[in-house]
Amino acid sequence: MNKVQPRTLPGFMELMPNEQIVFEQIKEKIERTYRKFGFLPLDTPILELSEVLLAKAGGETEKQIYRFEKGDTDISMRFDLTVPLAKYVTQNYGNLSFPFRRYQIGKVYRGERAQKGRYREFYQCDIDIIGDGELSIINDAELPSVIYNIFKELGFDDFTIRINNRKILNGLFEYLGQKENSADILRVIDKIDKIGKNAVIEELEKIEVQKESIQKIINFMSIEGDTDQKIQQLENMNIENDVFKSGLEELTQVVKYIRVFGIPEQNFKIDLTIARGLDYYTGTVYETFLNEYKEIGSVCSGGRYENLAEFYTDKKLPGVGISIGLTRLFYKLNELNLINTNKKSISDVLIIPMLEDMKVPIEIASNLRKEGINTEIFLNDKKLKAKMKYADKLEIPFVIIVGEDEVKSGIIKIKDMITGNEKECKIENIAKTLLTSCNIRI
C-alpha cells in the first residue's frame, strides 16, 4: 500500500499546540471586548450561493474567490464577513432591532498568492453597527473606544488609531474639478505610506490629474499639527463645497466624542492620508498601528458606509464597522517575538492514579472541573516516573498522586512542579487549597 505524504496546502496556517493556546487567548480577549460593548454574536455560513455572495464583487476580489459547482448549485466561499452580514440583515430585517450591533469572528477565504504572513484562509474579527435609515455619527466615535480597549487588553500601550473622513477627500476633489477621478485618486493616496510622496505624484500624473490639482492634494495631505490644529487648518482652507463641509463637521464630532469615551490623546490622531481603498467607505475611516512595529502595517481598520445592502434591498442601511485580521496579526506578533508561546498545556492540574479502581481519581477531577479548574487525568498504564515526566514536559503546574494510601486516609499531597514543594490537604478540600494556597486563577 502506497503511503500518501501528509502536507498542508500553501497559504493555510497550522499551529503547534503551544502557539494555538496563545492564538485562542488573543481571540478570546477580542471576543470578550466585543461582548463588553454589547455586540451580539453572529455566525454566517462559509459557503454561500455565488449570485448572492458576488452581487457586489468584481475585479481582483472576484478573481480570488473560491468557487465551485455541486450538482446544479453554483457555490462560493466567503471572502470577507461584511457581504454575508449584508445578506443576513436584509434577509432578517423584520426580526432585528436597530441599530443592529453584531460581532463575528470566523475564517474567510481568498485565493491570492500565498506569501509570508499572507494566508488564503484566515480569521477576521469584525464588529458592525447597522442603522435603519440613519445612524448617529456618535457610533463612529465609539468604535475607536473598542479598538483602544482591545489593544490595551492585549498588552499594548503605544499604538495610534488614525482617523479621517472620506467626505473631506471627496469634497476636495470635487472642489478641484476632479470628481470623476476621485475613486482612482483615493486608491493612489491610500498607498502614500507604502510608496512615498513622489511615487504618488507619478501615479496621479498617470491618471491625468492636473499638476496644479496634484500640488493642492499633496499640500492638503501634508497638513501637520495636533488634532485641534489640523481641524483648524481644514477650516481655514475655506473650501466652498458641501461634501467637504459635511465631512469636516463629522470629523469634528467624532473627535469630540472620542475624547468623551476617554481615549487618551496619544492613542488617536487625524491622518488625512488615510483613505481606505474599498469603495463602500463613505465617511469616517480608521487605521490602527503599533507605533514601535509599523512594519506590521495596520492591525485594525474600517469605517462608515452609507448603504450596507444596496445590492439586496432598496432599504437604506447605513453602518460603521472595523475588522482585525487575526491570523496575520498573530503571525507578525509571533515573528517579532512579541507574544509568549511557551505555554504547552492548558491544564492546571494533572491527576495521576496509582491504583486499579479509577473511581476516586475521576471524582476528584470532576469536582475540580466543577470549580473551574482545568484538570487532566493520566489514564494510561505507565510507571510513575513516566507520568511525572509527562507533567514536566507539558509544564503542568500541579500534580496530585492518588494511590491506595491516599484513598484510605482521605489525605492527598498537591505537588508544585516548579518549586517541588508539596501541600497536604483533605480530598474534599483540594479545590479550596488550589484556589487559595496555590493561587490558581479561574
Protein backbone atom coordinates (compact mmCIF):
# COMPACT_ATOMS: atom_id res chain seq x y z
CA MET A 1 0.00 0.00 0.00
CA ASN A 2 1.46 3.35 -1.09
CA LYS A 3 1.61 5.94 1.64
CA VAL A 4 0.43 9.49 0.99
CA GLN A 5 2.80 12.23 2.10
CA PRO A 6 0.95 14.39 4.66
CA ARG A 7 1.18 18.07 3.73
CA THR A 8 -0.84 21.25 4.08
CA LEU A 9 -1.92 23.47 1.21
CA PRO A 10 0.17 26.66 0.84
CA GLY A 11 -1.47 29.67 2.48
CA PHE A 12 -3.19 27.73 5.27
CA MET A 13 -1.90 28.17 8.81
CA GLU A 14 -1.48 25.25 11.21
CA LEU A 15 -0.01 25.88 14.64
CA MET A 16 1.67 23.77 17.27
CA PRO A 17 -0.40 23.39 20.48
CA ASN A 18 1.69 25.96 22.39
CA GLU A 19 1.07 28.52 19.63
CA GLN A 20 -2.61 27.61 19.31
CA ILE A 21 -3.09 28.23 23.04
CA VAL A 22 -1.91 31.83 22.64
CA PHE A 23 -3.89 32.30 19.43
CA GLU A 24 -7.07 31.23 21.24
CA GLN A 25 -6.27 33.52 24.17
CA ILE A 26 -5.95 36.52 21.83
CA LYS A 27 -9.18 35.58 20.06
CA GLU A 28 -10.98 35.22 23.40
CA LYS A 29 -9.76 38.67 24.55
CA ILE A 30 -11.05 40.26 21.35
CA GLU A 31 -14.39 38.47 21.67
CA ARG A 32 -14.69 39.40 25.34
CA THR A 33 -14.14 43.08 24.49
CA TYR A 34 -16.76 42.95 21.73
CA ARG A 35 -19.26 41.48 24.18
CA LYS A 36 -18.36 44.12 26.77
CA PHE A 37 -19.63 46.77 24.36
CA GLY A 38 -22.92 44.93 23.78
CA PHE A 39 -22.26 43.45 20.35
CA LEU A 40 -24.30 40.35 19.52
CA PRO A 41 -22.66 37.17 18.20
CA LEU A 42 -23.31 36.09 14.61
CA ASP A 43 -22.07 33.10 12.63
CA THR A 44 -22.81 33.07 8.91
CA PRO A 45 -22.11 30.12 6.56
CA ILE A 46 -18.70 29.72 4.97
CA LEU A 47 -20.45 28.68 1.74
CA GLU A 48 -22.94 30.94 0.00
CA LEU A 49 -24.77 30.98 -3.31
CA SER A 50 -22.43 32.64 -5.79
CA GLU A 51 -25.08 35.04 -7.10
CA VAL A 52 -25.63 36.27 -3.53
CA LEU A 53 -22.01 36.47 -2.46
CA LEU A 54 -20.76 38.01 -5.69
CA ALA A 55 -23.51 40.61 -6.07
CA LYS A 56 -21.00 43.39 -5.48
CA ALA A 57 -17.71 41.64 -6.16
CA GLY A 58 -15.58 42.47 -9.17
CA GLY A 59 -12.02 42.92 -10.36
CA GLU A 60 -9.30 41.34 -8.23
CA THR A 61 -11.72 40.32 -5.47
CA GLU A 62 -13.75 38.11 -7.80
CA LYS A 63 -10.59 36.51 -9.19
CA GLN A 64 -9.56 35.48 -5.66
CA ILE A 65 -12.83 33.80 -4.71
CA TYR A 66 -13.01 30.03 -4.33
CA ARG A 67 -15.97 29.00 -6.47
CA PHE A 68 -17.32 25.60 -7.50
CA GLU A 69 -20.45 23.74 -8.53
CA LYS A 70 -22.17 20.98 -6.57
CA GLY A 71 -24.85 19.46 -8.76
CA ASP A 72 -26.75 22.39 -10.23
CA THR A 73 -25.76 24.81 -7.44
CA ASP A 74 -23.13 27.50 -8.02
CA ILE A 75 -21.33 27.97 -4.68
CA SER A 76 -18.64 30.36 -3.41
CA MET A 77 -16.66 30.55 -0.18
CA ARG A 78 -16.98 33.83 1.74
CA PHE A 79 -14.08 36.22 1.14
CA ASP A 80 -14.99 38.59 3.99
CA LEU A 81 -17.61 38.86 6.75
CA THR A 82 -19.25 42.08 5.52
CA VAL A 83 -21.08 40.71 2.46
CA PRO A 84 -22.60 37.82 4.48
CA LEU A 85 -23.66 40.42 7.07
CA ALA A 86 -25.41 42.44 4.36
CA LYS A 87 -27.26 39.32 3.22
CA TYR A 88 -28.17 38.40 6.79
CA VAL A 89 -29.52 41.85 7.70
CA THR A 90 -31.60 42.03 4.51
CA GLN A 91 -32.95 38.51 4.99
CA ASN A 92 -33.83 39.03 8.67
CA TYR A 93 -34.70 42.74 8.55
CA GLY A 94 -38.15 42.33 10.12
CA ASN A 95 -36.80 40.35 13.09
CA LEU A 96 -33.83 42.55 14.02
CA SER A 97 -33.68 45.50 16.40
CA PHE A 98 -31.89 48.56 15.03
CA PRO A 99 -29.27 49.76 15.46
CA PHE A 100 -28.13 46.17 14.98
CA ARG A 101 -24.78 45.59 16.70
CA ARG A 102 -23.09 42.37 15.74
CA TYR A 103 -19.68 40.77 16.05
CA GLN A 104 -18.37 37.82 14.10
CA ILE A 105 -15.07 36.00 14.38
CA GLY A 106 -14.59 33.49 11.61
CA LYS A 107 -12.48 32.22 8.75
CA VAL A 108 -12.60 33.75 5.29
CA TYR A 109 -11.01 32.54 2.05
CA ARG A 110 -9.13 34.32 -0.71
CA GLY A 111 -7.18 32.56 -3.42
CA GLU A 112 -4.42 35.14 -3.60
CA ARG A 113 -0.75 34.30 -3.96
CA ALA A 114 0.46 32.74 -0.72
CA GLN A 115 3.40 34.57 0.83
CA LYS A 116 5.00 35.17 4.20
CA GLY A 117 2.35 36.39 6.62
CA ARG A 118 -0.37 36.33 3.93
CA TYR A 119 -2.81 33.46 4.03
CA ARG A 120 -5.57 32.07 1.83
CA GLU A 121 -7.53 31.01 4.89
CA PHE A 122 -7.54 33.48 7.76
CA TYR A 123 -9.58 34.69 10.72
CA GLN A 124 -11.29 38.08 10.67
CA CYS A 125 -12.71 39.62 13.83
CA ASP A 126 -15.43 42.08 12.81
CA ILE A 127 -17.91 44.36 14.51
CA ASP A 128 -20.52 46.49 12.78
CA ILE A 129 -23.32 48.79 13.87
CA ILE A 130 -26.13 48.91 11.29
CA GLY A 131 -28.82 51.59 11.31
CA ASP A 132 -32.28 51.58 9.76
CA GLY A 133 -32.39 54.65 7.54
CA GLU A 134 -29.96 56.63 9.70
CA LEU A 135 -27.13 56.11 12.16
CA SER A 136 -25.77 58.74 14.55
CA ILE A 137 -22.20 59.88 13.93
CA ILE A 138 -21.51 59.20 17.64
CA ASN A 139 -21.35 55.49 16.71
CA ASP A 140 -18.27 56.34 14.64
CA ALA A 141 -16.63 57.61 17.83
CA GLU A 142 -17.49 54.51 19.86
CA LEU A 143 -15.57 52.09 17.62
CA PRO A 144 -12.18 53.67 18.39
CA SER A 145 -13.07 53.06 22.04
CA VAL A 146 -13.49 49.36 21.22
CA ILE A 147 -10.16 49.35 19.38
CA TYR A 148 -8.45 51.08 22.29
CA ASN A 149 -9.80 48.57 24.81
CA ILE A 150 -8.79 45.59 22.68
CA PHE A 151 -5.16 46.58 22.26
CA LYS A 152 -4.85 47.59 25.91
CA GLU A 153 -6.24 44.16 26.80
CA LEU A 154 -3.64 42.57 24.50
CA GLY A 155 -0.91 44.38 26.43
CA PHE A 156 -0.08 47.24 24.07
CA ASP A 157 0.24 50.87 25.15
CA ASP A 158 2.00 52.58 22.25
CA PHE A 159 -0.49 52.43 19.40
CA THR A 160 -2.31 55.05 17.35
CA ILE A 161 -5.80 54.96 15.86
CA ARG A 162 -5.57 57.13 12.76
CA ILE A 163 -8.82 58.74 11.67
CA ASN A 164 -10.01 60.55 8.58
CA ASN A 165 -13.26 61.19 6.71
CA ARG A 166 -13.63 60.37 3.03
CA LYS A 167 -16.14 63.17 2.53
CA ILE A 168 -13.32 65.63 3.19
CA LEU A 169 -11.27 63.98 0.46
CA ASN A 170 -14.18 63.63 -1.98
CA GLY A 171 -15.23 67.22 -1.35
CA LEU A 172 -11.70 68.41 -2.02
CA PHE A 173 -11.55 66.52 -5.31
CA GLU A 174 -14.94 67.88 -6.34
CA TYR A 175 -13.78 71.41 -5.45
CA LEU A 176 -10.68 70.88 -7.62
CA GLY A 177 -12.76 69.61 -10.54
CA GLN A 178 -11.52 66.04 -10.05
CA LYS A 179 -14.80 64.39 -9.07
CA GLU A 180 -14.63 61.89 -11.94
CA ASN A 181 -11.16 60.81 -10.81
CA SER A 182 -11.97 60.68 -7.08
CA ALA A 183 -12.09 56.86 -6.76
CA ASP A 184 -8.78 56.47 -8.59
CA ILE A 185 -7.17 59.30 -6.63
CA LEU A 186 -8.29 57.72 -3.33
CA ARG A 187 -6.71 54.40 -4.29
CA VAL A 188 -3.45 56.15 -5.09
CA ILE A 189 -3.16 58.32 -1.98
CA ASP A 190 -4.13 55.35 0.20
CA LYS A 191 -0.70 53.94 -0.73
CA ILE A 192 1.35 57.01 0.25
CA ASP A 193 2.87 55.32 3.34
CA LYS A 194 3.97 52.36 1.24
CA ILE A 195 5.24 54.05 -1.92
CA GLY A 196 6.05 57.61 -0.78
CA LYS A 197 5.04 61.09 -1.94
CA ASN A 198 7.00 61.11 -5.23
CA ALA A 199 5.52 57.80 -6.37
CA VAL A 200 2.03 59.08 -5.51
CA ILE A 201 2.65 62.18 -7.65
CA GLU A 202 3.76 59.95 -10.55
CA GLU A 203 0.66 57.75 -10.26
CA LEU A 204 -1.63 60.80 -10.12
CA GLU A 205 0.01 62.11 -13.29
CA LYS A 206 -0.66 58.76 -14.98
CA ILE A 207 -4.39 59.13 -14.35
CA GLU A 208 -4.16 62.63 -15.85
CA VAL A 209 -4.71 64.75 -12.74
CA GLN A 210 -3.55 68.29 -13.48
CA LYS A 211 -0.28 69.39 -11.86
CA GLU A 212 -1.95 72.28 -10.05
CA SER A 213 -4.52 69.92 -8.54
CA ILE A 214 -1.82 67.39 -7.62
CA GLN A 215 0.07 70.06 -5.70
CA LYS A 216 -3.06 71.08 -3.80
CA ILE A 217 -3.79 67.44 -2.97
CA ILE A 218 -0.23 66.91 -1.71
CA ASN A 219 -0.33 70.15 0.31
CA PHE A 220 -3.63 69.09 1.81
CA MET A 221 -2.23 65.70 2.80
CA SER A 222 0.83 67.38 4.33
CA ILE A 223 -1.17 69.37 6.90
CA GLU A 224 0.55 68.89 10.26
CA GLY A 225 -0.06 69.70 13.92
CA ASP A 226 -2.07 68.20 16.75
CA THR A 227 -5.71 67.16 16.35
CA ASP A 228 -7.23 70.58 17.01
CA GLN A 229 -4.67 72.35 14.85
CA LYS A 230 -5.45 70.08 11.91
CA ILE A 231 -9.19 70.72 12.26
CA GLN A 232 -8.48 74.46 12.39
CA GLN A 233 -6.28 74.31 9.29
CA LEU A 234 -9.00 72.41 7.43
CA GLU A 235 -11.49 75.13 8.39
CA ASN A 236 -9.03 77.82 7.32
CA MET A 237 -8.87 76.35 3.81
CA ASN A 238 -12.33 77.92 3.24
CA ILE A 239 -13.31 75.26 0.71
CA GLU A 240 -16.79 76.09 -0.51
CA ASN A 241 -18.06 72.57 -1.04
CA ASP A 242 -20.97 70.96 0.81
CA VAL A 243 -19.42 67.47 0.83
CA PHE A 244 -16.15 68.82 2.29
CA LYS A 245 -18.02 70.81 4.94
CA SER A 246 -20.13 67.78 5.90
CA GLY A 247 -17.01 65.63 6.26
CA LEU A 248 -15.24 68.23 8.39
CA GLU A 249 -18.29 68.57 10.64
CA GLU A 250 -18.46 64.78 11.06
CA LEU A 251 -14.75 64.53 11.80
CA THR A 252 -15.05 67.29 14.42
CA GLN A 253 -17.94 65.44 16.08
CA VAL A 254 -16.08 62.14 16.04
CA VAL A 255 -13.03 63.74 17.70
CA LYS A 256 -15.26 65.39 20.32
CA TYR A 257 -16.88 62.08 21.32
CA ILE A 258 -13.69 60.03 21.11
CA ARG A 259 -12.48 62.27 23.93
CA VAL A 260 -15.76 61.76 25.80
CA PHE A 261 -15.21 57.99 25.52
CA GLY A 262 -11.93 58.55 27.37
CA ILE A 263 -9.38 57.64 24.73
CA PRO A 264 -6.03 59.35 25.53
CA GLU A 265 -4.80 61.93 23.04
CA GLN A 266 -1.65 59.92 22.38
CA ASN A 267 -3.69 56.97 21.12
CA PHE A 268 -5.58 58.70 18.30
CA LYS A 269 -4.89 61.32 15.68
CA ILE A 270 -6.28 62.77 12.47
CA ASP A 271 -4.37 61.43 9.47
CA LEU A 272 -5.50 62.96 6.16
CA THR A 273 -3.60 60.29 4.20
CA ILE A 274 -5.90 57.53 5.45
CA ALA A 275 -8.35 56.84 2.63
CA ARG A 276 -9.16 53.09 2.77
CA GLY A 277 -9.17 51.57 -0.69
CA LEU A 278 -12.57 49.88 -0.59
CA ASP A 279 -15.24 51.78 -2.48
CA TYR A 280 -18.04 51.30 0.05
CA TYR A 281 -16.46 53.52 2.74
CA THR A 282 -18.20 56.89 2.50
CA GLY A 283 -17.37 58.77 5.71
CA THR A 284 -15.22 58.07 8.77
CA VAL A 285 -12.28 55.72 8.14
CA TYR A 286 -9.84 54.14 10.62
CA GLU A 287 -6.40 52.54 10.55
CA THR A 288 -4.60 51.37 13.70
CA PHE A 289 -0.83 50.97 14.00
CA LEU A 290 1.51 49.65 16.69
CA ASN A 291 3.98 52.54 16.74
CA GLU A 292 7.07 50.51 17.58
CA TYR A 293 6.27 47.89 14.94
CA LYS A 294 4.99 49.80 11.91
CA GLU A 295 6.36 47.07 9.65
CA ILE A 296 3.33 45.01 10.69
CA GLY A 297 1.07 47.51 8.93
CA SER A 298 -2.45 48.33 10.03
CA VAL A 299 -3.66 45.94 12.75
CA CYS A 300 -7.29 47.12 12.71
CA SER A 301 -9.17 49.05 10.04
CA GLY A 302 -12.66 50.00 8.98
CA GLY A 303 -15.06 52.87 8.53
CA ARG A 304 -18.52 54.21 7.72
CA TYR A 305 -20.61 53.14 4.74
CA GLU A 306 -23.93 54.66 3.75
CA ASN A 307 -25.68 51.60 2.39
CA LEU A 308 -24.59 48.15 3.51
CA ALA A 309 -27.10 46.13 1.47
CA GLU A 310 -27.71 48.20 -1.67
CA PHE A 311 -27.33 45.10 -3.87
CA TYR A 312 -30.02 43.22 -1.95
CA THR A 313 -32.67 45.79 -0.98
CA ASP A 314 -33.90 49.34 -1.55
CA LYS A 315 -33.87 49.97 2.21
CA LYS A 316 -31.11 52.32 3.29
CA LEU A 317 -28.96 50.56 5.90
CA PRO A 318 -26.03 52.79 6.91
CA GLY A 319 -23.35 51.31 9.11
CA VAL A 320 -19.91 51.60 10.61
CA GLY A 321 -17.53 48.75 11.33
CA ILE A 322 -14.00 47.60 11.99
CA SER A 323 -12.07 44.41 11.30
CA ILE A 324 -8.98 42.78 12.79
CA GLY A 325 -7.11 40.30 10.59
CA LEU A 326 -6.29 37.96 13.46
CA THR A 327 -4.27 35.33 11.56
CA ARG A 328 -1.89 37.85 10.04
CA LEU A 329 -1.66 39.81 13.31
CA PHE A 330 -0.77 36.65 15.23
CA TYR A 331 1.84 35.68 12.64
CA LYS A 332 3.51 39.08 12.83
CA LEU A 333 3.44 39.27 16.64
CA ASN A 334 4.90 35.77 16.84
CA GLU A 335 7.56 36.55 14.23
CA LEU A 336 8.66 39.61 16.22
CA ASN A 337 8.64 37.63 19.49
CA LEU A 338 6.03 39.97 20.97
CA ILE A 339 3.96 37.12 22.37
CA ASN A 340 4.93 34.31 24.69
CA THR A 341 4.18 30.93 23.12
CA ASN A 342 5.94 28.87 25.79
CA LYS A 343 2.76 27.57 27.42
CA LYS A 344 2.50 23.90 26.45
CA SER A 345 -0.71 22.91 28.23
CA ILE A 346 -3.92 24.49 29.45
CA SER A 347 -4.22 22.06 32.36
CA ASP A 348 -3.79 23.49 35.86
CA VAL A 349 -3.65 20.09 37.49
CA LEU A 350 -2.71 16.56 36.48
CA ILE A 351 -4.29 13.73 38.47
CA ILE A 352 -2.02 10.67 38.50
CA PRO A 353 -3.88 7.49 39.56
CA MET A 354 -1.71 4.76 41.09
CA LEU A 355 -4.45 2.17 41.63
CA GLU A 356 -6.72 -0.04 39.54
CA ASP A 357 -10.06 1.44 40.62
CA MET A 358 -10.34 4.86 38.97
CA LYS A 359 -13.46 5.93 40.89
CA VAL A 360 -11.79 8.34 43.37
CA PRO A 361 -9.35 9.97 40.87
CA ILE A 362 -12.24 10.56 38.43
CA GLU A 363 -14.41 12.04 41.22
CA ILE A 364 -11.57 14.36 42.26
CA ALA A 365 -11.11 15.53 38.66
CA SER A 366 -14.85 16.06 38.18
CA ASN A 367 -15.11 18.14 41.37
CA LEU A 368 -12.13 20.29 40.37
CA ARG A 369 -13.66 20.92 36.93
CA LYS A 370 -16.93 21.98 38.58
CA GLU A 371 -14.91 24.64 40.40
CA GLY A 372 -13.49 25.90 37.10
CA ILE A 373 -10.04 24.31 37.49
CA ASN A 374 -8.64 22.80 34.27
CA THR A 375 -7.92 19.22 35.25
CA GLU A 376 -6.45 16.29 33.36
CA ILE A 377 -6.25 12.62 34.40
CA PHE A 378 -3.42 10.38 33.23
CA LEU A 379 -5.39 7.28 32.30
CA ASN A 380 -2.73 5.20 30.55
CA ASP A 381 -0.92 2.40 32.37
CA LYS A 382 2.61 3.74 32.84
CA LYS A 383 5.13 3.84 35.64
CA LEU A 384 5.09 6.84 37.99
CA LYS A 385 8.32 8.19 36.50
CA ALA A 386 6.79 8.28 33.01
CA LYS A 387 3.66 10.02 34.33
CA MET A 388 5.69 12.67 36.13
CA LYS A 389 7.80 13.17 33.01
CA TYR A 390 4.60 13.81 31.05
CA ALA A 391 3.55 16.52 33.52
CA ASP A 392 7.02 18.05 33.44
CA LYS A 393 7.22 18.07 29.63
CA LEU A 394 3.87 19.85 29.31
CA GLU A 395 4.76 22.15 32.24
CA ILE A 396 1.52 21.37 34.07
CA PRO A 397 1.94 23.40 37.28
CA PHE A 398 0.42 20.98 39.84
CA VAL A 399 0.30 17.21 40.20
CA ILE A 400 -1.85 15.12 42.54
CA ILE A 401 -0.94 11.46 43.02
CA VAL A 402 -3.84 9.27 44.11
CA GLY A 403 -2.94 5.81 45.40
CA GLU A 404 -4.36 3.31 47.91
CA ASP A 405 -2.87 5.17 50.89
CA GLU A 406 -4.46 8.47 49.81
CA VAL A 407 -7.87 6.85 49.32
CA LYS A 408 -7.75 5.16 52.76
CA SER A 409 -6.53 8.22 54.68
CA GLY A 410 -8.54 10.81 52.74
CA ILE A 411 -5.38 12.96 52.64
CA ILE A 412 -3.51 13.86 49.45
CA LYS A 413 -0.48 15.96 48.54
CA ILE A 414 -0.51 18.69 45.87
CA LYS A 415 2.92 18.95 44.29
CA ASP A 416 4.08 22.26 42.83
CA MET A 417 6.06 21.19 39.76
CA ILE A 418 8.04 24.44 39.65
CA THR A 419 9.24 24.63 43.25
CA GLY A 420 8.91 20.96 44.16
CA ASN A 421 7.00 21.93 47.33
CA GLU A 422 4.03 19.86 48.46
CA LYS A 423 0.84 20.91 50.26
CA GLU A 424 -1.15 18.35 52.22
CA CYS A 425 -4.93 18.57 52.45
CA LYS A 426 -8.09 16.53 52.73
CA ILE A 427 -9.55 15.22 49.47
CA GLU A 428 -12.71 17.31 49.92
CA ASN A 429 -10.56 20.49 50.29
CA ILE A 430 -8.43 20.10 47.15
CA ALA A 431 -10.25 22.77 45.14
CA LYS A 432 -10.17 25.27 48.00
CA THR A 433 -6.44 24.66 48.55
CA LEU A 434 -5.64 25.08 44.87
CA LEU A 435 -7.63 28.31 44.62
CA THR A 436 -6.23 29.84 47.82
CA SER A 437 -2.88 28.44 48.86
CA CYS A 438 -1.76 27.56 45.31
CA ASN A 439 -3.19 30.72 43.71
CA ILE A 440 -4.76 29.02 40.69
CA ARG A 441 -6.77 31.55 38.71
CA ILE A 442 -10.01 30.59 37.03
